[in-house]
């Protein structure tokens, strides 16, 4: 049985190095150049946003962050609202976390990226855990589907852990989780979107983020810079084209001089 890394987004401090990490030890990534982000249709009752607003903010987040990396071929697109089973709303993401996440079979048939609100306390050990993400469906080194579960537990009347975030911070959380969904792990570098703690007012990716997404989804470069052709004038037996142009110029000048002489 394949095991995946469960990503927990929560506040913590400590480690500080300069390297991106990956969700899996075999560098799993989506095949192709595009992946869609879909949203489960059941309501996120304890969040201050409608389903359509959440999907729109996810789209805003990927356009603000991931889709701007010029060295990465990956483009993340807005998907659609999809109907899924109630397991996505109330079930555990993993059946075991002893040595990585063993995906819940009820959630493992997904393709692309699916965001769903979830109120299972197994997924969220505290209000500090904002979301959990796992690559639940893989084939070899290819990610077929990933699931992002947003914390929808009511810690105070009508509010979840995500309710206290500003709109911009909520967008950053969504973009952070989508980073996990496409194969990235946490970064220990604070100015990275994939930093393991939620930082307010993110405006751009860090170098770790760009290096990581480029590593998983490198943009193909041309094999050469092209070639310079040595254009020849067949009439002149191999003389450079400049010789022909010079000859044309001399003939034109001669004709103009002759015309002036005839007119005078």
Protein backbone atom coordinates (compact mmCIF):
# COMPACT_ATOMS: atom_id res chain seq x y z
CA UNK A 1 0.00 0.00 0.00
CA UNK A 2 1.39 3.40 -0.98
CA UNK A 3 1.82 5.92 1.79
CA UNK A 4 1.76 9.67 1.37
CA UNK A 5 2.89 12.58 3.48
CA UNK A 6 0.03 14.28 5.31
CA UNK A 7 0.46 18.01 5.28
CA UNK A 8 -0.71 19.91 8.35
CA UNK A 9 -0.85 23.70 8.15
CA UNK A 10 -0.37 25.06 11.64
CA UNK A 11 1.60 27.66 13.56
CA UNK A 12 5.01 26.64 14.82
CA UNK A 13 8.56 28.01 15.03
CA UNK A 14 12.09 26.71 14.82
CA UNK A 15 14.08 25.23 11.93
CA UNK A 16 15.67 27.58 9.42
CA UNK A 17 17.41 26.16 6.38
CA UNK A 18 17.40 27.01 2.70
CA UNK A 19 15.78 24.16 0.78
CA UNK A 20 12.34 23.22 -0.53
CA UNK A 21 10.91 19.82 0.34
CA UNK A 22 8.57 17.45 -1.49
CA UNK A 23 5.42 15.60 -0.42
CA UNK A 24 6.82 12.23 -1.45
CA UNK A 25 10.23 10.59 -1.55
CA UNK A 26 9.74 9.86 -5.26
CA UNK A 27 9.03 13.45 -6.37
CA UNK A 28 5.44 12.82 -7.45
CA UNK A 29 3.92 15.45 -9.73
CA UNK A 30 0.92 15.85 -12.00
CA UNK A 31 1.64 14.79 -15.58
CA UNK A 32 1.10 17.36 -18.30
CA UNK A 33 1.09 21.12 -18.00
CA UNK A 34 -2.33 21.92 -16.53
CA UNK A 35 -4.24 20.88 -13.44
CA UNK A 36 -7.69 22.04 -12.29
CA UNK A 37 -8.86 22.99 -8.83
CA UNK A 38 -12.40 21.84 -8.05
CA UNK A 39 -14.60 22.46 -5.02
CA UNK A 40 -17.00 20.05 -3.31
CA UNK A 41 -20.58 21.29 -3.42
CA UNK A 42 -21.50 20.75 0.23
CA UNK A 43 -21.61 23.95 2.29
CA UNK A 44 -18.73 25.27 4.37
CA UNK A 45 -21.16 26.23 7.13
CA UNK A 46 -18.61 27.72 9.54
CA UNK A 47 -16.68 29.77 7.00
CA UNK A 48 -17.67 33.33 6.07
CA UNK A 49 -17.55 32.59 2.34
CA UNK A 50 -19.82 30.91 -0.16
CA UNK A 51 -18.61 27.95 -2.19
CA UNK A 52 -18.23 30.10 -5.27
CA UNK A 53 -16.22 32.68 -3.32
CA UNK A 54 -13.87 29.98 -2.04
CA UNK A 55 -13.29 28.63 -5.54
CA UNK A 56 -12.75 32.16 -6.84
CA UNK A 57 -10.22 32.86 -4.08
CA UNK A 58 -8.38 29.62 -4.85
CA UNK A 59 -8.16 30.77 -8.47
CA UNK A 60 -6.98 34.20 -7.36
CA UNK A 61 -4.33 32.56 -5.21
CA UNK A 62 -2.83 30.40 -7.96
CA UNK A 63 -2.77 33.35 -10.35
CA UNK A 64 -1.12 35.50 -7.71
CA UNK A 65 1.52 32.92 -6.83
CA UNK A 66 2.06 29.66 -8.76
CA UNK A 67 1.05 30.70 -12.26
CA UNK A 68 3.62 33.51 -12.21
CA UNK A 69 6.67 31.23 -12.11
CA UNK A 70 8.22 31.63 -15.57
CA UNK A 71 10.56 28.66 -15.14
CA UNK A 72 7.68 26.25 -14.43
CA UNK A 73 5.45 24.80 -17.13
CA UNK A 74 2.59 24.13 -14.71
CA UNK A 75 -0.57 26.18 -15.02
CA UNK A 76 -3.25 25.73 -12.39
CA UNK A 77 -6.77 26.50 -13.61
CA UNK A 78 -10.14 27.12 -12.04
CA UNK A 79 -12.21 23.96 -12.15
CA UNK A 80 -15.83 23.54 -11.14
CA UNK A 81 -18.19 22.63 -8.32
CA UNK A 82 -18.45 18.85 -8.05
CA UNK A 83 -20.74 16.57 -6.09
CA UNK A 84 -18.88 14.10 -3.89
CA UNK A 85 -19.80 11.74 -1.08
CA UNK A 86 -20.29 12.91 2.50
CA UNK A 87 -16.95 11.28 3.38
CA UNK A 88 -15.22 14.39 2.13
CA UNK A 89 -17.24 16.49 4.57
CA UNK A 90 -17.00 14.27 7.64
CA UNK A 91 -14.42 11.53 7.04
CA UNK A 92 -10.75 11.23 7.95
CA UNK A 93 -8.23 12.00 5.22
CA UNK A 94 -5.93 9.17 6.37
CA UNK A 95 -6.67 5.76 7.83
CA UNK A 96 -3.20 5.75 9.42
CA UNK A 97 -0.49 8.33 10.11
CA UNK A 98 2.04 5.99 11.69
CA UNK A 99 4.49 6.26 8.80
CA UNK A 100 3.00 8.84 6.51
CA UNK A 101 -0.60 9.20 5.43
CA UNK A 102 -2.38 6.11 4.18
CA UNK A 103 -5.23 7.70 2.24
CA UNK A 104 -8.80 6.91 3.19
CA UNK A 105 -10.11 4.73 0.32
CA UNK A 106 -13.36 6.73 0.35
CA UNK A 107 -11.38 9.81 -0.68
CA UNK A 108 -8.75 8.24 -2.90
CA UNK A 109 -10.59 8.07 -6.22
CA UNK A 110 -10.26 11.75 -7.01
CA UNK A 111 -8.56 13.24 -10.03
CA UNK A 112 -7.12 16.75 -10.28
CA UNK A 113 -7.34 18.83 -7.07
CA UNK A 114 -10.45 18.80 -4.90
CA UNK A 115 -11.04 21.28 -2.06
CA UNK A 116 -13.63 20.32 0.55
CA UNK A 117 -14.63 21.62 3.95
CA UNK A 118 -14.36 18.98 6.66
CA UNK A 119 -15.29 18.73 10.35
CA UNK A 120 -13.58 15.49 11.37
CA UNK A 121 -11.50 16.10 14.50
CA UNK A 122 -9.05 13.37 13.45
CA UNK A 123 -7.91 15.65 10.67
CA UNK A 124 -7.70 18.74 12.86
CA UNK A 125 -6.13 18.14 16.24
CA UNK A 126 -6.57 21.80 17.22
CA UNK A 127 -7.87 25.10 15.90
CA UNK A 128 -4.31 25.83 14.79
CA UNK A 129 -4.57 23.22 12.06
CA UNK A 130 -6.13 25.21 9.23
CA UNK A 131 -6.16 22.52 6.54
CA UNK A 132 -4.81 19.11 5.62
CA UNK A 133 -3.71 17.99 2.17
CA UNK A 134 -2.61 14.68 0.68
CA UNK A 135 -1.85 13.28 -2.75
CA UNK A 136 -4.49 10.58 -2.41
CA UNK A 137 -4.32 9.10 -5.90
CA UNK A 138 -1.00 8.36 -7.61
CA UNK A 139 0.29 6.12 -10.35
CA UNK A 140 4.03 5.58 -10.32
CA UNK A 141 5.54 9.04 -10.05
CA UNK A 142 2.36 10.74 -11.34
CA UNK A 143 -0.15 12.46 -9.08
CA UNK A 144 -3.62 11.69 -10.39
CA UNK A 145 -5.59 13.41 -7.63
CA UNK A 146 -5.08 15.41 -4.44
CA UNK A 147 -7.51 16.36 -1.71
CA UNK A 148 -7.45 19.54 0.38
CA UNK A 149 -9.67 19.55 3.48
CA UNK A 150 -10.41 22.92 5.08
CA UNK A 151 -11.02 23.06 8.82
CA UNK A 152 -14.78 23.56 9.24
CA UNK A 153 -15.02 22.68 12.93
CA UNK A 154 -17.08 25.09 15.04
CA UNK A 155 -14.64 26.13 17.78
CA UNK A 156 -16.86 29.03 18.79
CA UNK A 157 -20.45 29.70 17.73
CA UNK A 158 -20.56 29.71 13.96
CA UNK A 159 -16.81 30.05 13.40
CA UNK A 160 -13.96 27.79 12.34
CA UNK A 161 -10.21 28.24 12.62
CA UNK A 162 -10.21 29.86 9.18
CA UNK A 163 -12.90 32.41 10.05
CA UNK A 164 -10.50 34.74 11.84
CA UNK A 165 -8.25 35.16 8.82
CA UNK A 166 -8.36 38.18 6.55
CA UNK A 167 -9.40 37.58 2.97
CA UNK A 168 -5.79 37.91 1.79
CA UNK A 169 -4.57 35.43 4.40
CA UNK A 170 -7.32 33.00 3.42
CA UNK A 171 -6.18 33.23 -0.20
CA UNK A 172 -2.60 32.52 0.90
CA UNK A 173 -3.72 29.46 2.87
CA UNK A 174 -5.53 28.12 -0.19
CA UNK A 175 -2.48 28.75 -2.38
CA UNK A 176 -0.24 27.10 0.24
CA UNK A 177 -2.41 23.99 0.29
CA UNK A 178 -2.52 23.89 -3.50
CA UNK A 179 1.28 23.90 -3.37
CA UNK A 180 1.07 20.70 -1.32
CA UNK A 181 -1.51 19.29 -3.71
CA UNK A 182 0.84 19.62 -6.69
CA UNK A 183 3.68 17.90 -4.83
CA UNK A 184 5.52 20.40 -2.62
CA UNK A 185 6.29 19.93 1.05
CA UNK A 186 6.94 22.60 3.66
CA UNK A 187 9.76 25.11 3.46
CA UNK A 188 11.70 26.12 6.57
CA UNK A 189 12.29 29.56 5.04
CA UNK A 190 9.96 32.19 6.44
CA UNK A 191 9.60 34.27 3.27
CA UNK A 192 8.33 31.24 1.33
CA UNK A 193 4.64 30.59 0.76
CA UNK A 194 5.32 26.96 1.66
CA UNK A 195 6.68 27.96 5.09
CA UNK A 196 5.17 25.67 7.70
CA UNK A 197 3.45 28.50 9.59
CA UNK A 198 0.76 30.85 8.37
CA UNK A 199 2.19 34.32 7.72
CA UNK A 200 -0.15 37.22 7.07
CA UNK A 201 0.01 39.47 4.02
CA UNK A 202 1.89 37.23 1.61
CA UNK A 203 2.45 39.06 -1.67
CA UNK A 204 4.81 36.81 -3.61
CA UNK A 205 6.60 33.48 -3.66
CA UNK A 206 10.00 32.96 -2.11
CA UNK A 207 12.98 31.44 -3.88
CA UNK A 208 12.32 28.06 -2.26
CA UNK A 209 8.79 28.04 -3.70
CA UNK A 210 9.99 28.86 -7.20
CA UNK A 211 12.84 26.37 -7.04
CA UNK A 212 10.49 23.62 -5.83
CA UNK A 213 7.77 24.12 -8.44
CA UNK A 214 10.41 24.40 -11.17
CA UNK A 215 12.04 21.17 -10.00
CA UNK A 216 8.74 19.30 -10.25
CA UNK A 217 7.45 21.05 -13.39
CA UNK A 218 10.45 22.37 -15.35
CA UNK A 219 9.75 24.38 -18.44
CA UNK A 220 11.46 22.82 -21.47
CA UNK A 221 14.15 25.03 -22.94
CA UNK A 222 15.21 25.07 -26.62
CA UNK A 223 18.17 22.80 -27.39
CA UNK A 224 20.04 25.64 -29.12
CA UNK A 225 19.82 29.36 -29.64
CA UNK A 226 19.19 28.90 -33.34
CA UNK A 227 21.65 29.40 -36.20
CA UNK A 228 22.95 32.21 -38.35
CA UNK A 229 22.60 31.51 -42.06
CA UNK A 230 25.26 32.82 -44.45
CA UNK A 231 23.04 34.07 -47.25
CA UNK A 232 24.67 34.00 -50.66
CA UNK A 233 23.92 35.62 -53.99
CA UNK A 234 23.72 32.82 -56.58
CA UNK A 235 24.10 35.24 -59.49
CA UNK A 236 27.45 36.46 -58.14
CA UNK A 237 28.73 32.91 -57.65
CA UNK A 238 28.77 32.77 -53.87
CA UNK A 239 29.42 36.40 -52.94
CA UNK A 240 27.74 37.60 -49.75
CA UNK A 241 24.34 39.20 -50.18
CA UNK A 242 25.90 42.53 -49.22
CA UNK A 243 27.77 42.49 -52.56
CA UNK A 244 24.52 42.20 -54.45
CA UNK A 245 22.98 45.02 -52.44
CA UNK A 246 25.99 47.19 -53.16
CA UNK A 247 25.71 46.41 -56.89
CA UNK A 248 22.00 47.30 -56.86
CA UNK A 249 22.83 50.56 -55.11
CA UNK A 250 25.45 51.47 -57.69
CA UNK A 251 23.09 50.68 -60.58
CA UNK A 252 20.33 52.78 -58.99
CA UNK A 253 22.68 55.69 -58.49
CA UNK A 254 23.90 55.39 -62.08
CA UNK A 255 20.33 55.40 -63.43
CA UNK A 256 19.44 58.45 -61.35
CA UNK A 257 22.54 60.30 -62.61
CA UNK A 258 21.74 59.38 -66.22
CA UNK A 259 18.12 60.51 -65.81
CA UNK A 260 19.26 63.90 -64.49
CA UNK A 261 21.65 64.27 -67.39
CA UNK A 262 18.87 63.57 -69.93
CA UNK A 263 16.52 66.04 -68.26
CA UNK A 264 19.12 68.78 -68.31
